[in-house]
C-alpha atoms as a PDB file:
ATOM      1  CA  MET A   1     109.452  55.580  68.880  1.00  0.00           C
ATOM      2  CA  PHE A   2     106.045  54.515  70.696  1.00  0.00           C
ATOM      3  CA  GLU A   3     105.835  54.887  74.566  1.00  0.00           C
ATOM      4  CA  PHE A   4     103.268  53.291  76.564  1.00  0.00           C
ATOM      5  CA  PRO A   5     101.188  55.652  78.730  1.00  0.00           C
ATOM      6  CA  LYS A   6     102.121  56.218  82.535  1.00  0.00           C
ATOM      7  CA  ASN A   7      98.235  56.027  83.480  1.00  0.00           C
ATOM      8  CA  ILE A   8      94.626  54.724  82.729  1.00  0.00           C
ATOM      9  CA  ASP A   9      93.495  58.549  81.334  1.00  0.00           C
ATOM     10  CA  SER A  10      96.667  58.688  79.181  1.00  0.00           C
ATOM     11  CA  LEU A  11      96.058  55.240  77.496  1.00  0.00           C
ATOM     12  CA  ILE A  12      92.479  56.169  76.502  1.00  0.00           C
ATOM     13  CA  SER A  13      93.258  59.357  75.545  1.00  0.00           C
ATOM     14  CA  GLN A  14      95.861  57.771  73.138  1.00  0.00           C
ATOM     15  CA  ALA A  15      93.750  55.035  71.976  1.00  0.00           C
ATOM     16  CA  GLU A  16      91.340  57.937  71.207  1.00  0.00           C
ATOM     17  CA  GLU A  17      93.837  59.916  69.429  1.00  0.00           C
ATOM     18  CA  GLU A  18      94.791  56.633  67.324  1.00  0.00           C
ATOM     19  CA  HIS A  19      90.891  56.058  66.306  1.00  0.00           C
ATOM     20  CA  LEU A  20      91.354  52.758  68.204  1.00  0.00           C
ATOM     21  CA  TYR A  21      89.859  53.429  71.294  1.00  0.00           C
ATOM     22  CA  PHE A  22      86.588  51.121  70.052  1.00  0.00           C
ATOM     23  CA  LYS A  23      89.538  48.557  68.955  1.00  0.00           C
ATOM     24  CA  LEU A  24      90.695  48.667  72.658  1.00  0.00           C
ATOM     25  CA  ILE A  25      87.190  48.064  73.974  1.00  0.00           C
ATOM     26  CA  GLU A  26      86.340  44.908  71.615  1.00  0.00           C
ATOM     27  CA  GLN A  27      89.806  43.501  72.775  1.00  0.00           C
ATOM     28  CA  THR A  28      88.775  43.916  76.736  1.00  0.00           C
ATOM     29  CA  ASN A  29      85.858  42.392  75.807  1.00  0.00           C
ATOM     30  CA  LYS A  30      87.042  39.367  73.791  1.00  0.00           C
ATOM     31  CA  ASP A  31      89.883  38.385  76.421  1.00  0.00           C
ATOM     32  CA  PHE A  32      87.430  38.930  79.435  1.00  0.00           C
ATOM     33  CA  ALA A  33      85.116  36.594  77.508  1.00  0.00           C
ATOM     34  CA  LEU A  34      87.738  34.330  76.596  1.00  0.00           C
ATOM     35  CA  ALA A  35      88.546  34.052  80.450  1.00  0.00           C
ATOM     36  CA  ASN A  36      84.710  33.212  80.558  1.00  0.00           C
ATOM     37  CA  GLU A  37      84.482  36.316  82.795  1.00  0.00           C
ATOM     38  CA  ALA A  38      82.413  38.453  80.487  1.00  0.00           C
ATOM     39  CA  ILE A  39      82.240  42.088  80.847  1.00  0.00           C
ATOM     40  CA  ASP A  40      80.180  43.364  77.888  1.00  0.00           C
ATOM     41  CA  ILE A  41      81.278  46.803  77.445  1.00  0.00           C
ATOM     42  CA  PRO A  42      79.169  48.711  74.636  1.00  0.00           C
ATOM     43  CA  LEU A  43      81.447  50.415  72.356  1.00  0.00           C
ATOM     44  CA  ASP A  44      79.905  53.828  72.731  1.00  0.00           C
ATOM     45  CA  VAL A  45      80.826  53.609  76.616  1.00  0.00           C
ATOM     46  CA  PHE A  46      82.568  56.622  77.980  1.00  0.00           C
ATOM     47  CA  PRO A  47      85.851  56.463  78.794  1.00  0.00           C
ATOM     48  CA  LEU A  48      85.804  57.081  82.522  1.00  0.00           C
ATOM     49  CA  HIS A  49      82.740  54.404  82.548  1.00  0.00           C
ATOM     50  CA  PHE A  50      84.819  51.907  80.484  1.00  0.00           C
ATOM     51  CA  LYS A  51      87.515  52.646  82.857  1.00  0.00           C
ATOM     52  CA  GLU A  52      85.391  52.226  85.630  1.00  0.00           C
ATOM     53  CA  ARG A  53      83.421  49.100  84.494  1.00  0.00           C
ATOM     54  CA  VAL A  54      86.824  47.321  84.118  1.00  0.00           C
ATOM     55  CA  HIS A  55      87.912  48.459  88.036  1.00  0.00           C
ATOM     56  CA  GLU A  56      84.915  47.042  89.415  1.00  0.00           C
ATOM     57  CA  LYS A  57      85.154  43.572  87.733  1.00  0.00           C
ATOM     58  CA  ILE A  58      89.022  43.140  88.577  1.00  0.00           C
ATOM     59  CA  LEU A  59      88.141  44.211  92.330  1.00  0.00           C
ATOM     60  CA  LYS A  60      84.941  41.434  92.419  1.00  0.00           C
ATOM     61  CA  LEU A  61      87.614  38.988  90.902  1.00  0.00           C
ATOM     62  CA  ILE A  62      90.316  39.628  93.298  1.00  0.00           C
ATOM     63  CA  GLN A  63      87.878  39.412  96.259  1.00  0.00           C
ATOM     64  CA  PHE A  64      85.276  36.535  95.299  1.00  0.00           C
ATOM     65  CA  LYS A  65      86.366  34.631  92.327  1.00  0.00           C
ATOM     66  CA  PHE A  66      91.132  34.704  93.021  1.00  0.00           C
ATOM     67  CA  ALA A  67      91.207  31.495  90.470  1.00  0.00           C
ATOM     68  CA  GLU A  68      89.248  33.314  87.938  1.00  0.00           C
ATOM     69  CA  TYR A  69      91.054  36.770  88.679  1.00  0.00           C
ATOM     70  CA  LEU A  70      94.350  34.661  88.077  1.00  0.00           C
ATOM     71  CA  ASN A  71      93.438  33.008  84.765  1.00  0.00           C
ATOM     72  CA  LEU A  72      92.377  36.515  83.383  1.00  0.00           C
ATOM     73  CA  LEU A  73      95.769  37.973  83.842  1.00  0.00           C
ATOM     74  CA  TYR A  74      97.184  34.942  82.431  1.00  0.00           C
ATOM     75  CA  ILE A  75      95.103  35.087  79.349  1.00  0.00           C
ATOM     76  CA  ILE A  76      95.155  38.441  78.794  1.00  0.00           C
ATOM     77  CA  ASP A  77      99.265  38.150  79.574  1.00  0.00           C
ATOM     78  CA  VAL A  78      99.866  40.499  81.867  1.00  0.00           C
ATOM     79  CA  SER A  79     103.197  40.451  83.692  1.00  0.00           C
ATOM     80  CA  GLU A  80     103.567  38.629  86.313  1.00  0.00           C
ATOM     81  CA  GLU A  81     106.411  40.508  87.245  1.00  0.00           C
ATOM     82  CA  GLN A  82     104.542  43.661  87.181  1.00  0.00           C
ATOM     83  CA  ILE A  83     102.178  42.039  89.169  1.00  0.00           C
ATOM     84  CA  LYS A  84     104.076  40.860  91.792  1.00  0.00           C
ATOM     85  CA  LYS A  85     105.649  44.479  92.424  1.00  0.00           C
ATOM     86  CA  LEU A  86     101.941  45.797  92.980  1.00  0.00           C
ATOM     87  CA  ASP A  87     101.433  46.452  96.965  1.00  0.00           C
ATOM     88  CA  GLY A  88      97.983  44.238  97.677  1.00  0.00           C
ATOM     89  CA  SER A  89      97.677  46.462 101.104  1.00  0.00           C
ATOM     90  CA  ASP A  90      94.941  48.039  99.708  1.00  0.00           C
ATOM     91  CA  LEU A  91      92.196  46.392  97.658  1.00  0.00           C
ATOM     92  CA  ILE A  92      90.851  49.202  95.970  1.00  0.00           C
ATOM     93  CA  GLN A  93      93.866  50.466  94.753  1.00  0.00           C
ATOM     94  CA  LEU A  94      95.304  47.285  94.237  1.00  0.00           C
ATOM     95  CA  ALA A  95      92.645  46.750  91.730  1.00  0.00           C
ATOM     96  CA  GLU A  96      92.964  50.320  90.204  1.00  0.00           C
ATOM     97  CA  GLN A  97      96.988  49.226  89.075  1.00  0.00           C
ATOM     98  CA  VAL A  98      95.851  46.218  88.030  1.00  0.00           C
ATOM     99  CA  THR A  99      93.549  47.392  85.463  1.00  0.00           C
ATOM    100  CA  PHE A 100      95.835  49.910  84.302  1.00  0.00           C
ATOM    101  CA  LEU A 101      98.132  46.492  83.892  1.00  0.00           C
ATOM    102  CA  ILE A 102      95.390  44.974  81.861  1.00  0.00           C
ATOM    103  CA  LEU A 103      94.416  47.924  79.798  1.00  0.00           C
ATOM    104  CA  LYS A 104      98.383  48.654  79.130  1.00  0.00           C
ATOM    105  CA  ARG A 105      98.430  44.881  77.555  1.00  0.00           C
ATOM    106  CA  GLU A 106      95.224  45.537  75.745  1.00  0.00           C
ATOM    107  CA  TRP A 107      96.377  48.010  73.981  1.00  0.00           C
ATOM    108  CA  GLN A 108      99.927  47.024  73.497  1.00  0.00           C
ATOM    109  CA  LYS A 109      97.621  44.276  71.441  1.00  0.00           C
ATOM    110  CA  VAL A 110      95.496  47.066  69.676  1.00  0.00           C
ATOM    111  CA  TRP A 111      98.341  49.442  68.724  1.00  0.00           C
ATOM    112  CA  PHE A 112     100.984  46.581  67.500  1.00  0.00           C
ATOM    113  CA  ARG A 113      98.020  45.048  65.332  1.00  0.00           C
ATOM    114  CA  ASN A 114      97.084  48.331  64.082  1.00  0.00           C
ATOM    115  CA  LYS A 115     100.476  49.805  63.307  1.00  0.00           C
ATOM    116  CA  TYR A 116     102.008  45.792  61.783  1.00  0.00           C
END
């Protein structure tokens, strides 16, 4: 049975173990582009930088382009219920949690597409 990772680091490790890390980056780039918020992460990016680039982008969207942020969540299909559970009092921490939810959803798409 497939178990979803509990944090970003284990998610990226799982993607690497299953040789789907590049697909995860491609899916992330594709969905950000669909939301007109291109992120253009190179496929050879180190996992730490991948995580940081997504986190920075999310933080900027929350701070300066909230409507676009909501549109991105809609396009990626992040659970509204999960977003509502997050504590928004610390923006950096919020962006980190949202980054995990986004990457988790992207990982679901990549994983299912690969398996079925």
